[in-house]
Amino acid sequence: EYTVIGDPVNEAARLCELAKQRPERLLAS
């Protein structure tokens, strides 16, 4: 499969987890 691997992928996933716990629901680095 074609995919992307790297720190931005991990960071976006961690920000998504955090956003689910915050009222803004949307976070960007």
PDB file of all heavy atoms in Angstrom:
ATOM      1  N   GLU A   1       0.843  -1.186   0.000  1.00  0.00           N
ATOM      2  CA  GLU A   1       0.000   0.000   0.000  1.00  0.00           C
ATOM      3  C   GLU A   1       0.878   1.235   0.000  1.00  0.00           C
ATOM      4  O   GLU A   1       2.016   1.212   0.484  1.00  0.00           O
ATOM      5  CB  GLU A   1      -0.934   0.028   1.216  1.00  0.00           C
ATOM      6  CG  GLU A   1      -0.226   0.233   2.535  1.00  0.00           C
ATOM      7  CD  GLU A   1      -1.194   0.483   3.684  1.00  0.00           C
ATOM      8  OE1 GLU A   1      -2.386   0.664   3.401  1.00  0.00           O
ATOM      9  OE2 GLU A   1      -0.748   0.520   4.833  1.00  0.00           O
ATOM     10  N   TYR A   2       0.343   2.302  -0.544  1.00  0.00           N
ATOM     11  CA  TYR A   2       1.045   3.576  -0.522  1.00  0.00           C
ATOM     12  C   TYR A   2       0.661   4.300   0.769  1.00  0.00           C
ATOM     13  O   TYR A   2      -0.515   4.446   1.087  1.00  0.00           O
ATOM     14  CB  TYR A   2       0.648   4.422  -1.731  1.00  0.00           C
ATOM     15  CG  TYR A   2       1.436   5.715  -1.850  1.00  0.00           C
ATOM     16  CD1 TYR A   2       2.598   5.768  -2.605  1.00  0.00           C
ATOM     17  CD2 TYR A   2       1.012   6.869  -1.191  1.00  0.00           C
ATOM     18  CE1 TYR A   2       3.328   6.945  -2.711  1.00  0.00           C
ATOM     19  CE2 TYR A   2       1.738   8.043  -1.284  1.00  0.00           C
ATOM     20  CZ  TYR A   2       2.889   8.081  -2.045  1.00  0.00           C
ATOM     21  OH  TYR A   2       3.612   9.250  -2.140  1.00  0.00           O
ATOM     22  N   THR A   3       1.651   4.747   1.505  1.00  0.00           N
ATOM     23  CA  THR A   3       1.381   5.420   2.772  1.00  0.00           C
ATOM     24  C   THR A   3       2.501   6.400   3.086  1.00  0.00           C
ATOM     25  O   THR A   3       3.492   6.486   2.341  1.00  0.00           O
ATOM     26  CB  THR A   3       1.218   4.398   3.906  1.00  0.00           C
ATOM     27  OG1 THR A   3       0.739   5.054   5.079  1.00  0.00           O
ATOM     28  CG2 THR A   3       2.539   3.720   4.223  1.00  0.00           C
ATOM     29  N   VAL A   4       2.338   7.146   4.172  1.00  0.00           N
ATOM     30  CA  VAL A   4       3.372   8.073   4.644  1.00  0.00           C
ATOM     31  C   VAL A   4       3.737   7.675   6.072  1.00  0.00           C
ATOM     32  O   VAL A   4       2.878   7.308   6.876  1.00  0.00           O
ATOM     33  CB  VAL A   4       2.889   9.533   4.588  1.00  0.00           C
ATOM     34  CG1 VAL A   4       2.720   9.982   3.144  1.00  0.00           C
ATOM     35  CG2 VAL A   4       1.585   9.730   5.346  1.00  0.00           C
ATOM     36  N   ILE A   5       5.042   7.722   6.367  1.00  0.00           N
ATOM     37  CA  ILE A   5       5.547   7.330   7.671  1.00  0.00           C
ATOM     38  C   ILE A   5       6.455   8.440   8.173  1.00  0.00           C
ATOM     39  O   ILE A   5       7.335   8.924   7.450  1.00  0.00           O
ATOM     40  CB  ILE A   5       6.333   6.002   7.588  1.00  0.00           C
ATOM     41  CG1 ILE A   5       5.430   4.881   7.061  1.00  0.00           C
ATOM     42  CG2 ILE A   5       6.913   5.629   8.945  1.00  0.00           C
ATOM     43  CD1 ILE A   5       6.157   3.590   6.793  1.00  0.00           C
ATOM     44  N   GLY A   6       6.227   8.862   9.419  1.00  0.00           N
ATOM     45  CA  GLY A   6       7.082   9.899   9.985  1.00  0.00           C
ATOM     46  C   GLY A   6       6.445  10.560  11.182  1.00  0.00           C
ATOM     47  O   GLY A   6       5.302  10.267  11.579  1.00  0.00           O
ATOM     48  N   ASP A   7       7.189  11.471  11.780  1.00  0.00           N
ATOM     49  CA  ASP A   7       6.733  12.135  12.990  1.00  0.00           C
ATOM     50  C   ASP A   7       5.434  12.923  12.794  1.00  0.00           C
ATOM     51  O   ASP A   7       4.597  12.943  13.706  1.00  0.00           O
ATOM     52  CB  ASP A   7       7.843  13.057  13.512  1.00  0.00           C
ATOM     53  CG  ASP A   7       7.462  13.699  14.830  1.00  0.00           C
ATOM     54  OD1 ASP A   7       7.323  12.966  15.840  1.00  0.00           O
ATOM     55  OD2 ASP A   7       7.263  14.939  14.837  1.00  0.00           O
ATOM     56  N   PRO A   8       5.215  13.606  11.646  1.00  0.00           N
ATOM     57  CA  PRO A   8       3.944  14.338  11.492  1.00  0.00           C
ATOM     58  C   PRO A   8       2.713  13.448  11.627  1.00  0.00           C
ATOM     59  O   PRO A   8       1.680  13.886  12.134  1.00  0.00           O
ATOM     60  CB  PRO A   8       4.051  14.929  10.086  1.00  0.00           C
ATOM     61  CG  PRO A   8       5.510  15.065   9.841  1.00  0.00           C
ATOM     62  CD  PRO A   8       6.126  13.876  10.509  1.00  0.00           C
ATOM     63  N   VAL A   9       2.830  12.193  11.194  1.00  0.00           N
ATOM     64  CA  VAL A   9       1.693  11.269  11.315  1.00  0.00           C
ATOM     65  C   VAL A   9       1.422  10.987  12.789  1.00  0.00           C
ATOM     66  O   VAL A   9       0.262  11.046  13.255  1.00  0.00           O
ATOM     67  CB  VAL A   9       1.964   9.963  10.549  1.00  0.00           C
ATOM     68  CG1 VAL A   9       0.795   8.994  10.707  1.00  0.00           C
ATOM     69  CG2 VAL A   9       2.225  10.242   9.072  1.00  0.00           C
ATOM     70  N   ASN A  10       2.473  10.695  13.527  1.00  0.00           N
ATOM     71  CA  ASN A  10       2.304  10.428  14.957  1.00  0.00           C
ATOM     72  C   ASN A  10       1.775  11.663  15.681  1.00  0.00           C
ATOM     73  O   ASN A  10       0.915  11.569  16.566  1.00  0.00           O
ATOM     74  CB  ASN A  10       3.638   9.998  15.569  1.00  0.00           C
ATOM     75  CG  ASN A  10       4.156   8.713  14.944  1.00  0.00           C
ATOM     76  OD1 ASN A  10       3.371   7.863  14.537  1.00  0.00           O
ATOM     77  ND2 ASN A  10       5.469   8.579  14.858  1.00  0.00           N
ATOM     78  N   GLU A  11       2.304  12.830  15.323  1.00  0.00           N
ATOM     79  CA  GLU A  11       1.885  14.054  16.000  1.00  0.00           C
ATOM     80  C   GLU A  11       0.407  14.353  15.733  1.00  0.00           C
ATOM     81  O   GLU A  11      -0.337  14.751  16.650  1.00  0.00           O
ATOM     82  CB  GLU A  11       2.746  15.226  15.535  1.00  0.00           C
ATOM     83  CG  GLU A  11       2.500  16.506  16.323  1.00  0.00           C
ATOM     84  CD  GLU A  11       3.496  17.582  15.969  1.00  0.00           C
ATOM     85  OE1 GLU A  11       3.425  18.100  14.821  1.00  0.00           O
ATOM     86  OE2 GLU A  11       4.343  17.923  16.814  1.00  0.00           O
ATOM     87  N   ALA A  12      -0.033  14.163  14.487  1.00  0.00           N
ATOM     88  CA  ALA A  12      -1.444  14.406  14.173  1.00  0.00           C
ATOM     89  C   ALA A  12      -2.336  13.459  14.951  1.00  0.00           C
ATOM     90  O   ALA A  12      -3.416  13.843  15.440  1.00  0.00           O
ATOM     91  CB  ALA A  12      -1.676  14.255  12.674  1.00  0.00           C
ATOM     92  N   ALA A  13      -1.917  12.188  15.095  1.00  0.00           N
ATOM     93  CA  ALA A  13      -2.711  11.221  15.854  1.00  0.00           C
ATOM     94  C   ALA A  13      -2.790  11.627  17.332  1.00  0.00           C
ATOM     95  O   ALA A  13      -3.856  11.521  17.961  1.00  0.00           O
ATOM     96  CB  ALA A  13      -2.104   9.827  15.709  1.00  0.00           C
ATOM     97  N   ARG A  14      -1.669  12.081  17.908  1.00  0.00           N
ATOM     98  CA  ARG A  14      -1.665  12.503  19.314  1.00  0.00           C
ATOM     99  C   ARG A  14      -2.529  13.749  19.508  1.00  0.00           C
ATOM    100  O   ARG A  14      -3.268  13.863  20.501  1.00  0.00           O
ATOM    101  CB  ARG A  14      -0.235  12.795  19.775  1.00  0.00           C
ATOM    102  CG  ARG A  14       0.724  11.624  19.685  1.00  0.00           C
ATOM    103  CD  ARG A  14       0.337  10.504  20.642  1.00  0.00           C
ATOM    104  NE  ARG A  14       1.304   9.421  20.584  1.00  0.00           N
ATOM    105  CZ  ARG A  14       1.203   8.365  19.816  1.00  0.00           C
ATOM    106  NH1 ARG A  14       0.138   8.241  19.000  1.00  0.00           N
ATOM    107  NH2 ARG A  14       2.121   7.414  19.827  1.00  0.00           N
ATOM    108  N   LEU A  15      -2.458  14.676  18.554  1.00  0.00           N
ATOM    109  CA  LEU A  15      -3.292  15.882  18.653  1.00  0.00           C
ATOM    110  C   LEU A  15      -4.773  15.528  18.535  1.00  0.00           C
ATOM    111  O   LEU A  15      -5.626  16.157  19.181  1.00  0.00           O
ATOM    112  CB  LEU A  15      -2.913  16.878  17.563  1.00  0.00           C
ATOM    113  CG  LEU A  15      -1.552  17.571  17.732  1.00  0.00           C
ATOM    114  CD1 LEU A  15      -1.215  18.385  16.494  1.00  0.00           C
ATOM    115  CD2 LEU A  15      -1.575  18.491  18.975  1.00  0.00           C
ATOM    116  N   CYS A  16      -5.093  14.521  17.709  1.00  0.00           N
ATOM    117  CA  CYS A  16      -6.490  14.083  17.574  1.00  0.00           C
ATOM    118  C   CYS A  16      -6.986  13.509  18.905  1.00  0.00           C
ATOM    119  O   CYS A  16      -8.115  13.804  19.340  1.00  0.00           O
ATOM    120  CB  CYS A  16      -6.611  13.064  16.454  1.00  0.00           C
ATOM    121  SG  CYS A  16      -8.278  12.427  16.214  1.00  0.00           S
ATOM    122  N   GLU A  17      -6.141  12.701  19.574  1.00  0.00           N
ATOM    123  CA  GLU A  17      -6.518  12.154  20.882  1.00  0.00           C
ATOM    124  C   GLU A  17      -6.773  13.277  21.878  1.00  0.00           C
ATOM    125  O   GLU A  17      -7.743  13.246  22.659  1.00  0.00           O
ATOM    126  CB  GLU A  17      -5.409  11.248  21.394  1.00  0.00           C
ATOM    127  CG  GLU A  17      -5.260   9.931  20.655  1.00  0.00           C
ATOM    128  CD  GLU A  17      -4.137   9.100  21.247  1.00  0.00           C
ATOM    129  OE1 GLU A  17      -3.582   9.496  22.292  1.00  0.00           O
ATOM    130  OE2 GLU A  17      -3.823   8.047  20.668  1.00  0.00           O
ATOM    131  N   LEU A  18      -5.891  14.282  21.869  1.00  0.00           N
ATOM    132  CA  LEU A  18      -6.048  15.415  22.793  1.00  0.00           C
ATOM    133  C   LEU A  18      -7.291  16.228  22.461  1.00  0.00           C
ATOM    134  O   LEU A  18      -8.016  16.672  23.367  1.00  0.00           O
ATOM    135  CB  LEU A  18      -4.796  16.291  22.731  1.00  0.00           C
ATOM    136  CG  LEU A  18      -4.753  17.504  23.661  1.00  0.00           C
ATOM    137  CD1 LEU A  18      -4.840  17.074  25.125  1.00  0.00           C
ATOM    138  CD2 LEU A  18      -3.498  18.327  23.410  1.00  0.00           C
ATOM    139  N   ALA A  19      -7.550  16.422  21.153  1.00  0.00           N
ATOM    140  CA  ALA A  19      -8.705  17.221  20.735  1.00  0.00           C
ATOM    141  C   ALA A  19     -10.012  16.585  21.182  1.00  0.00           C
ATOM    142  O   ALA A  19     -10.994  17.286  21.482  1.00  0.00           O
ATOM    143  CB  ALA A  19      -8.694  17.388  19.221  1.00  0.00           C
ATOM    144  N   LYS A  20     -10.068  15.266  21.279  1.00  0.00           N
ATOM    145  CA  LYS A  20     -11.280  14.576  21.704  1.00  0.00           C
ATOM    146  C   LYS A  20     -11.602  14.865  23.170  1.00  0.00           C
ATOM    147  O   LYS A  20     -12.743  14.692  23.604  1.00  0.00           O
ATOM    148  CB  LYS A  20     -11.120  13.066  21.484  1.00  0.00           C
ATOM    149  CG  LYS A  20     -11.072  12.681  20.001  1.00  0.00           C
ATOM    150  CD  LYS A  20     -10.527  11.280  19.762  1.00  0.00           C
ATOM    151  CE  LYS A  20     -11.428  10.222  20.330  1.00  0.00           C
ATOM    152  NZ  LYS A  20     -10.962   8.852  19.983  1.00  0.00           N
ATOM    153  N   GLN A  21     -10.599  15.340  23.909  1.00  0.00           N
ATOM    154  CA  GLN A  21     -10.798  15.641  25.329  1.00  0.00           C
ATOM    155  C   GLN A  21     -10.994  17.119  25.590  1.00  0.00           C
ATOM    156  O   GLN A  21     -11.206  17.517  26.738  1.00  0.00           O
ATOM    157  CB  GLN A  21      -9.589  15.134  26.125  1.00  0.00           C
ATOM    158  CG  GLN A  21      -9.306  13.654  25.944  1.00  0.00           C
ATOM    159  CD  GLN A  21      -7.952  13.251  26.492  1.00  0.00           C
ATOM    160  OE1 GLN A  21      -7.326  14.009  27.245  1.00  0.00           O
ATOM    161  NE2 GLN A  21      -7.487  12.046  26.128  1.00  0.00           N
ATOM    162  N   ARG A  22     -10.894  17.961  24.573  1.00  0.00           N
ATOM    163  CA  ARG A  22     -10.975  19.422  24.755  1.00  0.00           C
ATOM    164  C   ARG A  22     -12.209  19.967  24.051  1.00  0.00           C
ATOM    165  O   ARG A  22     -12.704  19.375  23.066  1.00  0.00           O
ATOM    166  CB  ARG A  22      -9.711  20.082  24.217  1.00  0.00           C
ATOM    167  CG  ARG A  22      -8.461  19.681  24.991  1.00  0.00           C
ATOM    168  CD  ARG A  22      -7.220  20.301  24.400  1.00  0.00           C
ATOM    169  NE  ARG A  22      -7.321  21.734  24.299  1.00  0.00           N
ATOM    170  CZ  ARG A  22      -6.355  22.587  24.615  1.00  0.00           C
ATOM    171  NH1 ARG A  22      -5.200  22.133  25.120  1.00  0.00           N
ATOM    172  NH2 ARG A  22      -6.495  23.885  24.460  1.00  0.00           N
ATOM    173  N   PRO A  23     -12.700  21.093  24.483  1.00  0.00           N
ATOM    174  CA  PRO A  23     -13.922  21.645  23.877  1.00  0.00           C
ATOM    175  C   PRO A  23     -13.720  22.131  22.444  1.00  0.00           C
ATOM    176  O   PRO A  23     -14.675  22.195  21.674  1.00  0.00           O
ATOM    177  CB  PRO A  23     -14.290  22.803  24.817  1.00  0.00           C
ATOM    178  CG  PRO A  23     -13.011  23.173  25.493  1.00  0.00           C
ATOM    179  CD  PRO A  23     -12.245  21.903  25.654  1.00  0.00           C
ATOM    180  N   GLU A  24     -12.480  22.489  22.058  1.00  0.00           N
ATOM    181  CA  GLU A  24     -12.271  23.003  20.696  1.00  0.00           C
ATOM    182  C   GLU A  24     -12.460  21.914  19.640  1.00  0.00           C
ATOM    183  O   GLU A  24     -12.819  22.190  18.488  1.00  0.00           O
ATOM    184  CB  GLU A  24     -10.864  23.591  20.545  1.00  0.00           C
ATOM    185  CG  GLU A  24     -10.607  24.798  21.416  1.00  0.00           C
ATOM    186  CD  GLU A  24      -9.982  24.389  22.759  1.00  0.00           C
ATOM    187  OE1 GLU A  24     -10.012  23.169  23.082  1.00  0.00           O
ATOM    188  OE2 GLU A  24      -9.490  25.268  23.474  1.00  0.00           O
ATOM    189  N   ARG A  25     -12.148  20.652  19.972  1.00  0.00           N
ATOM    190  CA  ARG A  25     -12.291  19.498  19.076  1.00  0.00           C
ATOM    191  C   ARG A  25     -11.353  19.557  17.865  1.00  0.00           C
ATOM    192  O   ARG A  25     -11.362  18.646  17.056  1.00  0.00           O
ATOM    193  CB  ARG A  25     -13.722  19.348  18.557  1.00  0.00           C
ATOM    194  CG  ARG A  25     -14.790  19.256  19.616  1.00  0.00           C
ATOM    195  CD  ARG A  25     -14.594  18.054  20.502  1.00  0.00           C
ATOM    196  NE  ARG A  25     -15.751  17.797  21.355  1.00  0.00           N
ATOM    197  CZ  ARG A  25     -15.705  17.206  22.523  1.00  0.00           C
ATOM    198  NH1 ARG A  25     -14.530  16.829  23.031  1.00  0.00           N
ATOM    199  NH2 ARG A  25     -16.796  16.998  23.226  1.00  0.00           N
ATOM    200  N   LEU A  26     -10.564  20.583  17.714  1.00  0.00           N
ATOM    201  CA  LEU A  26      -9.679  20.724  16.562  1.00  0.00           C
ATOM    202  C   LEU A  26      -8.383  21.382  17.002  1.00  0.00           C
ATOM    203  O   LEU A  26      -8.385  22.520  17.491  1.00  0.00           O
ATOM    204  CB  LEU A  26     -10.351  21.564  15.457  1.00  0.00           C
ATOM    205  CG  LEU A  26      -9.474  22.006  14.282  1.00  0.00           C
ATOM    206  CD1 LEU A  26      -8.830  20.811  13.602  1.00  0.00           C
ATOM    207  CD2 LEU A  26     -10.301  22.818  13.286  1.00  0.00           C
ATOM    208  N   LEU A  27      -7.261  20.681  16.828  1.00  0.00           N
ATOM    209  CA  LEU A  27      -5.960  21.183  17.251  1.00  0.00           C
ATOM    210  C   LEU A  27      -4.957  21.011  16.116  1.00  0.00           C
ATOM    211  O   LEU A  27      -4.976  19.997  15.399  1.00  0.00           O
ATOM    212  CB  LEU A  27      -5.449  20.421  18.484  1.00  0.00           C
ATOM    213  CG  LEU A  27      -6.331  20.484  19.747  1.00  0.00           C
ATOM    214  CD1 LEU A  27      -5.727  19.620  20.841  1.00  0.00           C
ATOM    215  CD2 LEU A  27      -6.494  21.921  20.234  1.00  0.00           C
ATOM    216  N   ALA A  28      -4.070  22.001  15.972  1.00  0.00           N
ATOM    217  CA  ALA A  28      -3.005  21.947  14.969  1.00  0.00           C
ATOM    218  C   ALA A  28      -1.683  22.275  15.635  1.00  0.00           C
ATOM    219  O   ALA A  28      -1.626  23.091  16.576  1.00  0.00           O
ATOM    220  CB  ALA A  28      -3.290  22.914  13.826  1.00  0.00           C
ATOM    221  N   SER A  29      -0.591  21.691  15.159  1.00  0.00           N
ATOM    222  CA  SER A  29       0.726  21.958  15.736  1.00  0.00           C
ATOM    223  C   SER A  29       1.320  23.229  15.141  1.00  0.00           C
ATOM    224  O   SER A  29       0.934  23.666  14.049  1.00  0.00           O
ATOM    225  CB  SER A  29       1.658  20.780  15.475  1.00  0.00           C
ATOM    226  OG  SER A  29       1.957  20.693  14.093  1.00  0.00           O
TER     227      SER A  29
END
